[in-house]
Protein backbone atom coordinates (compact mmCIF):
# COMPACT_ATOMS: atom_id res chain seq x y z
CA UNK A 1 111.69 87.69 16.86
CA UNK A 2 113.95 89.79 14.64
CA UNK A 3 113.28 93.53 14.40
CA UNK A 4 113.33 94.71 10.77
CA UNK A 5 113.69 98.48 10.53
CA UNK A 6 113.21 101.06 7.75
CA UNK A 7 115.74 103.44 6.27
CA UNK A 8 114.95 105.98 3.58
CA UNK A 9 118.35 107.69 3.84
CA UNK A 10 121.88 106.73 4.91
CA UNK A 11 121.41 108.83 8.07
CA UNK A 12 118.26 106.90 9.01
CA UNK A 13 120.07 103.64 8.22
CA UNK A 14 122.80 104.46 10.75
CA UNK A 15 120.20 105.45 13.37
CA UNK A 16 118.36 102.14 12.89
CA UNK A 17 121.54 100.12 13.28
CA UNK A 18 122.64 102.06 16.36
CA UNK A 19 119.17 101.81 17.93
CA UNK A 20 119.24 98.00 17.91
CA UNK A 21 117.85 96.80 14.57
CA UNK A 22 118.48 93.17 13.66
CA UNK A 23 118.09 94.10 9.99
CA UNK A 24 117.53 97.31 8.03
CA UNK A 25 115.60 97.45 4.76
CA UNK A 26 116.10 100.09 2.10
CA UNK A 27 115.99 100.63 -1.66
CA UNK A 28 117.68 102.27 -4.61
CA UNK A 29 116.84 105.77 -5.82
CA UNK A 30 114.58 104.65 -8.68
CA UNK A 31 111.30 102.91 -9.47
CA UNK A 32 112.57 99.46 -8.46
CA UNK A 33 111.35 100.07 -4.93
CA UNK A 34 107.92 101.00 -3.59
CA UNK A 35 109.04 104.17 -1.79
CA UNK A 36 110.28 106.05 -4.84
CA UNK A 37 109.90 109.57 -3.42
CA UNK A 38 112.18 112.57 -4.11
CA UNK A 39 114.92 112.95 -1.52
CA UNK A 40 114.74 109.33 -0.38
CA UNK A 41 116.67 106.12 -1.02
CA UNK A 42 120.24 105.16 -1.82
CA UNK A 43 122.83 105.47 -4.53
CA UNK A 44 124.97 102.39 -5.16
CA UNK A 45 127.85 103.96 -3.27
CA UNK A 46 125.65 104.88 -0.29
CA UNK A 47 124.19 101.39 -0.10
CA UNK A 48 127.64 99.81 -0.23
CA UNK A 49 128.87 101.99 2.62
CA UNK A 50 125.74 101.29 4.66
CA UNK A 51 126.07 97.51 4.21
CA UNK A 52 129.67 97.69 5.43
CA UNK A 53 128.56 99.72 8.48
CA UNK A 54 125.80 97.22 9.26
CA UNK A 55 127.96 94.11 8.81
CA UNK A 56 130.58 95.48 11.20
CA UNK A 57 127.82 95.60 13.84
CA UNK A 58 126.24 92.23 13.06
CA UNK A 59 123.18 93.79 11.40
CA UNK A 60 121.70 92.51 8.14
CA UNK A 61 120.69 94.65 5.17
CA UNK A 62 117.59 93.79 3.11
CA UNK A 63 117.26 95.55 -0.25
CA UNK A 64 113.68 96.13 -1.43
CA UNK A 65 113.21 95.65 -5.17
CA UNK A 66 109.50 95.33 -4.60
CA UNK A 67 107.79 96.90 -7.59
CA UNK A 68 106.67 95.08 -10.74
CA UNK A 69 108.86 95.13 -13.84
CA UNK A 70 107.62 97.02 -16.90
CA UNK A 71 107.67 95.07 -20.15
CA UNK A 72 110.70 96.07 -22.20
CA UNK A 73 112.46 97.68 -19.21
CA UNK A 74 113.35 94.53 -17.24
CA UNK A 75 117.04 95.43 -17.37
CA UNK A 76 116.48 98.21 -14.78
CA UNK A 77 115.30 95.63 -12.22
CA UNK A 78 117.89 93.03 -13.25
CA UNK A 79 120.69 95.60 -12.84
CA UNK A 80 119.34 96.60 -9.41
CA UNK A 81 119.37 92.95 -8.32
CA UNK A 82 122.90 92.49 -9.73
CA UNK A 83 124.16 95.52 -7.84
CA UNK A 84 122.44 94.60 -4.57
CA UNK A 85 124.00 91.12 -4.66
CA UNK A 86 127.41 92.54 -5.61
CA UNK A 87 127.29 95.01 -2.71
CA UNK A 88 126.57 92.22 -0.22
CA UNK A 89 122.85 92.48 0.57
CA UNK A 90 121.75 89.91 3.14
CA UNK A 91 118.44 89.43 1.33
CA UNK A 92 116.45 90.83 -1.58
CA UNK A 93 112.78 91.67 -0.98
CA UNK A 94 110.95 90.91 -4.24
CA UNK A 95 107.36 91.03 -5.51
CA UNK A 96 107.62 90.29 -9.24
CA UNK A 97 107.70 86.59 -10.20
CA UNK A 98 109.91 87.34 -13.21
CA UNK A 99 112.46 89.07 -11.01
CA UNK A 100 112.29 86.22 -8.49
CA UNK A 101 113.06 83.79 -11.33
CA UNK A 102 116.00 85.93 -12.48
CA UNK A 103 117.52 86.09 -8.99
CA UNK A 104 116.91 82.39 -8.27
CA UNK A 105 118.55 81.34 -11.54
CA UNK A 106 121.42 83.86 -11.56
CA UNK A 107 122.24 83.91 -7.84
CA UNK A 108 120.97 80.62 -6.35
CA UNK A 109 122.75 81.29 -3.04
CA UNK A 110 121.17 84.72 -2.56
CA UNK A 111 118.51 84.85 0.16
CA UNK A 112 115.13 85.83 -1.29
CA UNK A 113 112.25 87.34 0.72
CA UNK A 114 108.73 87.74 -0.68
CA UNK A 115 107.54 91.34 -0.39
CA UNK A 116 104.17 92.25 1.05
CA UNK A 117 103.55 93.68 -2.45
CA UNK A 118 103.29 90.09 -3.74
CA UNK A 119 100.16 89.73 -1.59
CA UNK A 120 100.91 86.10 -0.72
CA UNK A 121 98.51 85.25 2.09
CA UNK A 122 97.58 81.57 1.74
CA UNK A 123 99.51 78.31 1.91
CA UNK A 124 99.19 77.54 -1.81
CA UNK A 125 100.69 80.86 -2.88
CA UNK A 126 103.53 80.67 -0.36
CA UNK A 127 104.32 77.03 -1.12
CA UNK A 128 104.55 77.91 -4.81
CA UNK A 129 107.01 80.75 -4.10
CA UNK A 130 109.15 78.48 -1.91
CA UNK A 131 109.17 75.63 -4.44
CA UNK A 132 109.61 77.75 -7.58
CA UNK A 133 112.08 80.40 -6.38
CA UNK A 134 113.50 79.14 -3.08
CA UNK A 135 111.89 81.92 -1.06
CA UNK A 136 113.14 81.86 2.53
CA UNK A 137 110.72 84.36 4.06
CA UNK A 138 107.34 85.91 3.27
CA UNK A 139 106.13 89.32 4.46
CA UNK A 140 102.41 88.87 5.08
CA UNK A 141 99.80 91.46 4.03
CA UNK A 142 98.27 93.49 6.85
CA UNK A 143 94.85 91.82 6.49
CA UNK A 144 95.32 88.63 8.54
CA UNK A 145 94.34 87.98 12.16
CA UNK A 146 96.76 86.44 14.65
CA UNK A 147 94.75 83.21 14.34
CA UNK A 148 95.10 83.31 10.54
CA UNK A 149 98.87 83.74 10.89
CA UNK A 150 99.19 80.88 13.41
CA UNK A 151 97.29 78.57 11.05
CA UNK A 152 99.46 79.59 8.12
CA UNK A 153 102.83 79.13 9.82
CA UNK A 154 101.93 75.50 10.58
CA UNK A 155 101.27 74.82 6.89
CA UNK A 156 104.35 76.30 5.23
CA UNK A 157 108.11 75.73 5.29
CA UNK A 158 109.07 79.38 5.25
CA UNK A 159 109.84 82.16 7.72
CA UNK A 160 107.06 84.69 8.33
CA UNK A 161 107.47 88.44 8.80
CA UNK A 162 104.63 90.79 9.77
CA UNK A 163 104.27 94.54 10.14
CA UNK A 164 104.36 95.73 13.73
CA UNK A 165 104.20 99.53 13.64
CA UNK A 166 103.69 102.39 11.21
CA UNK A 167 101.52 103.07 8.20
CA UNK A 168 98.55 100.77 7.81
CA UNK A 169 97.30 99.50 4.45
CA UNK A 170 93.95 97.75 4.34
CA UNK A 171 94.01 97.12 0.59
CA UNK A 172 95.22 93.95 -1.14
CA UNK A 173 98.81 95.11 -1.22
CA UNK A 174 100.44 94.90 -4.62
CA UNK A 175 97.02 95.06 -6.27
CA UNK A 176 95.83 98.54 -5.27
CA UNK A 177 95.25 100.95 -8.18
CA UNK A 178 93.64 103.86 -6.33
CA UNK A 179 96.69 106.14 -6.59
CA UNK A 180 97.12 105.46 -10.30
CA UNK A 181 93.50 106.45 -10.98
CA UNK A 182 94.02 109.82 -9.29
CA UNK A 183 97.60 110.66 -10.31
CA UNK A 184 98.72 108.30 -13.07
CA UNK A 185 101.45 107.03 -10.74
CA UNK A 186 101.13 103.53 -9.33
CA UNK A 187 102.79 102.25 -6.15
CA UNK A 188 103.08 98.83 -7.77
CA UNK A 189 104.68 99.96 -11.02
CA UNK A 190 106.27 103.35 -10.30
CA UNK A 191 106.87 102.89 -6.60
CA UNK A 192 104.85 105.96 -5.63
CA UNK A 193 101.54 105.94 -3.74
CA UNK A 194 100.10 109.46 -3.65
CA UNK A 195 103.22 111.24 -4.96
CA UNK A 196 104.04 114.54 -3.26
CA UNK A 197 104.02 116.32 -6.63
CA UNK A 198 100.25 115.72 -6.80
CA UNK A 199 99.45 116.73 -3.20
CA UNK A 200 97.96 120.11 -2.28
CA UNK A 201 96.68 121.68 0.94
CA UNK A 202 94.33 124.65 0.84
CA UNK A 203 92.87 126.81 3.59
CA UNK A 204 89.15 127.49 3.13
CA UNK A 205 87.90 129.70 5.94
CA UNK A 206 88.30 127.70 9.14
CA UNK A 207 88.79 124.42 7.25
CA UNK A 208 91.93 122.85 5.80
CA UNK A 209 91.32 120.97 2.52
CA UNK A 210 93.67 118.31 1.19
CA UNK A 211 93.77 117.27 -2.45
CA UNK A 212 95.36 114.48 -4.48
CA UNK A 213 95.55 115.23 -8.19
CA UNK A 214 92.18 116.69 -9.14
CA UNK A 215 90.36 115.12 -6.19
CA UNK A 216 89.45 116.57 -2.81
CA UNK A 217 90.43 113.92 -0.27
CA UNK A 218 89.52 115.51 3.05
CA UNK A 219 88.41 118.60 4.91
CA UNK A 220 89.69 119.19 8.44
CA UNK A 221 88.10 121.37 11.08
CA UNK A 222 89.99 123.76 13.41
CA UNK A 223 92.48 121.85 15.56
CA UNK A 224 91.98 118.59 13.66
CA UNK A 225 95.25 116.92 12.59
CA UNK A 226 95.59 116.93 8.78
CA UNK A 227 96.87 113.61 7.50
CA UNK A 228 98.71 112.93 4.25
CA UNK A 229 96.13 112.64 1.44
CA UNK A 230 95.87 109.08 0.18
CA UNK A 231 92.61 107.90 -1.33
CA UNK A 232 92.17 104.98 1.06
CA UNK A 233 92.40 107.43 3.99
CA UNK A 234 90.04 109.97 2.47
CA UNK A 235 86.71 111.01 3.95
CA UNK A 236 83.75 109.89 1.86
CA UNK A 237 80.01 110.45 1.79
CA UNK A 238 78.37 107.03 1.90
CA UNK A 239 74.59 107.09 1.97
CA UNK A 240 73.68 109.78 4.45
CA UNK A 241 76.89 109.55 6.46
CA UNK A 242 80.32 111.10 6.00
CA UNK A 243 83.45 109.41 7.31
CA UNK A 244 86.42 107.15 6.66
CA UNK A 245 84.88 104.41 4.53
CA UNK A 246 88.10 102.48 3.90
CA UNK A 247 90.64 103.32 6.58
CA UNK A 248 91.05 105.78 9.44
CA UNK A 249 94.23 107.95 9.41
CA UNK A 250 95.92 106.04 12.22
CA UNK A 251 99.09 103.96 12.63
CA UNK A 252 99.37 100.22 13.08
CA UNK A 253 100.56 99.14 16.54
CA UNK A 254 100.76 95.46 17.54
CA UNK A 255 102.50 95.90 20.89
CA UNK A 256 99.55 94.30 22.67
CA UNK A 257 100.00 91.20 20.49
CA UNK A 258 103.77 90.58 20.65
CA UNK A 259 103.50 87.42 22.73
CA UNK A 260 100.67 86.05 20.61
CA UNK A 261 102.61 86.70 17.41
CA UNK A 262 105.67 84.95 18.81
CA UNK A 263 103.51 81.98 19.78
CA UNK A 264 101.96 82.02 16.30
CA UNK A 265 105.37 81.33 14.77
CA UNK A 266 106.27 84.80 13.50
CA UNK A 267 110.01 85.12 12.82
CA UNK A 268 110.31 88.86 12.38
CA UNK A 269 108.52 92.15 13.11
CA UNK A 270 108.72 94.91 10.51
CA UNK A 271 108.48 98.64 11.11
CA UNK A 272 106.98 100.71 8.28
CA UNK A 273 108.42 104.16 7.65
CA UNK A 274 111.11 104.58 5.00
CA UNK A 275 109.67 108.03 4.28
CA UNK A 276 110.09 109.12 7.91
CA UNK A 277 113.06 111.01 9.38
CA UNK A 278 115.99 109.60 11.32
CA UNK A 279 114.66 110.79 14.71
CA UNK A 280 111.42 108.84 14.14
CA UNK A 281 113.37 105.74 13.10
CA UNK A 282 115.66 105.90 16.13
CA UNK A 283 112.79 106.35 18.60
CA UNK A 284 110.53 103.65 17.16
CA UNK A 285 113.33 101.10 16.79
CA UNK A 286 114.63 101.66 20.32
CA UNK A 287 111.13 101.50 21.80
CA UNK A 288 110.14 98.31 20.00
CA UNK A 289 113.47 96.72 20.90
CA UNK A 290 112.73 97.33 24.57
CA UNK A 291 109.18 96.05 24.12
CA UNK A 292 110.36 92.66 22.91
CA UNK A 293 111.95 91.96 26.29
CA UNK A 294 109.54 93.90 28.52
CA UNK A 295 106.68 92.23 30.39
CA UNK A 296 103.09 93.17 29.64
CA UNK A 297 102.93 95.84 32.35
CA UNK A 298 106.16 97.49 31.19
CA UNK A 299 104.86 97.78 27.64
CA UNK A 300 102.11 100.23 28.63
CA UNK A 301 104.55 103.12 29.08
CA UNK A 302 106.33 102.21 25.85
CA UNK A 303 103.02 102.21 23.97
CA UNK A 304 102.27 105.76 25.12
CA UNK A 305 105.65 106.92 23.78
CA UNK A 306 105.00 105.40 20.37
CA UNK A 307 101.49 106.81 20.14
CA UNK A 308 102.89 110.35 20.16
CA UNK A 309 104.81 109.51 16.96
CA UNK A 310 101.92 107.83 15.14
CA UNK A 311 99.68 109.25 12.44
CA UNK A 312 97.05 111.45 14.07
CA UNK A 313 98.59 110.37 17.41
CA UNK A 314 96.27 107.35 17.36
CA UNK A 315 97.00 103.68 16.79
CA UNK A 316 95.09 100.53 15.95
CA UNK A 317 95.70 96.78 15.96
CA UNK A 318 94.02 96.64 12.57
CA UNK A 319 93.25 93.16 11.27
CA UNK A 320 95.31 91.49 14.00
CA UNK A 321 92.15 91.54 16.10
CA UNK A 322 89.66 91.78 13.24
CA UNK A 323 86.05 91.58 14.34
CA UNK A 324 84.47 91.59 10.88
CA UNK A 325 84.27 89.12 8.00
C-alpha cells in the first residue's frame, strides 16, 4: 500500500519525502483547499520547487483543491487547477463536481482523485465519478468498517485510499456545517474548520475553558489535556450526563488493521495533518513506513511511539471496528 503524507509547508514537504513518503499532498495558500489556515500552504513557486524535489526522489505530489466552488468565483478554482497541472502535479484531489468536469474536459490526461470531502461511500456514487470524470482513486470517508471497505472494493473499478492516522472526523465529510454555524466560516466552502481567529482559551479558577466564536466548547480540569476547540469534539450535556456526544478528542490509528486493509483491497494509506509541524510529519511518516513491513509483534512498539504524538495522547480505530449501527 502507498503511504500518502501531509505537508502544510515546504519544510514539512521535504521532511515527508525524506522520511519515505510514496506521495505528498498539499494545497495552495487560498480557499481552494480545506486547510486554509494562516501560515500554511504553498505559493505557486514553492509548489513548483517541491514537485521538482519530489520527482527527483521518485515521490508523487497530490494537490488538494478539495473545497466547493462559489458561484461567480469559479475562476479561482479553475486557475488553481491550471497551475497545479502546469507545475506537474501527479494528481489533483477534487471534491466539487463542476471542478472535476473542468479538469476532465480541459486536461483529460491528468490523474484525478476524489477527495474525502466528496463523501463518496457507496458503489453508485463512485461508479458515477469514474464514468463521468475518469476518477482514478477515491478517498473514503472515515465512517466505514473494514468489512464495508472490502465489499466496496469488489464492486468498483477504482483505487481506494483510506485515512490511517491523525485527526478523526465522524461527520459526513464535505457536508458538515457545524463550524459555519459558530464562526461563519465553512470547511467545505472557505477551507477552514474552526478557524484560529475564532478560538479562545480562558483560565477560570482551576479550570481551562475553550471557546469557538461565541460558544463555550469545553472545560478542562487541572492536568487534563486541552484539545483544539471544534464543535464535534466539544463536551455536551445530554440528558443528565455530560460528555463527548459526537467524538472524543483522540487521533485515528489503524495500525492494528494494516493487514486487514491490505486484504480488503486498499491501495493507499493517508496520514492526516497538514496543520502539524515538520517534526510531527517526519516522525509519523517514518513510523508508519516501518509499520507496513513489520510483523504484528513489531508494530506494538511503533504504536506506542505514535500514541505520544496523537491528540490527547490517545488513539482509536474509529469506525474501522465499529460496533454500533
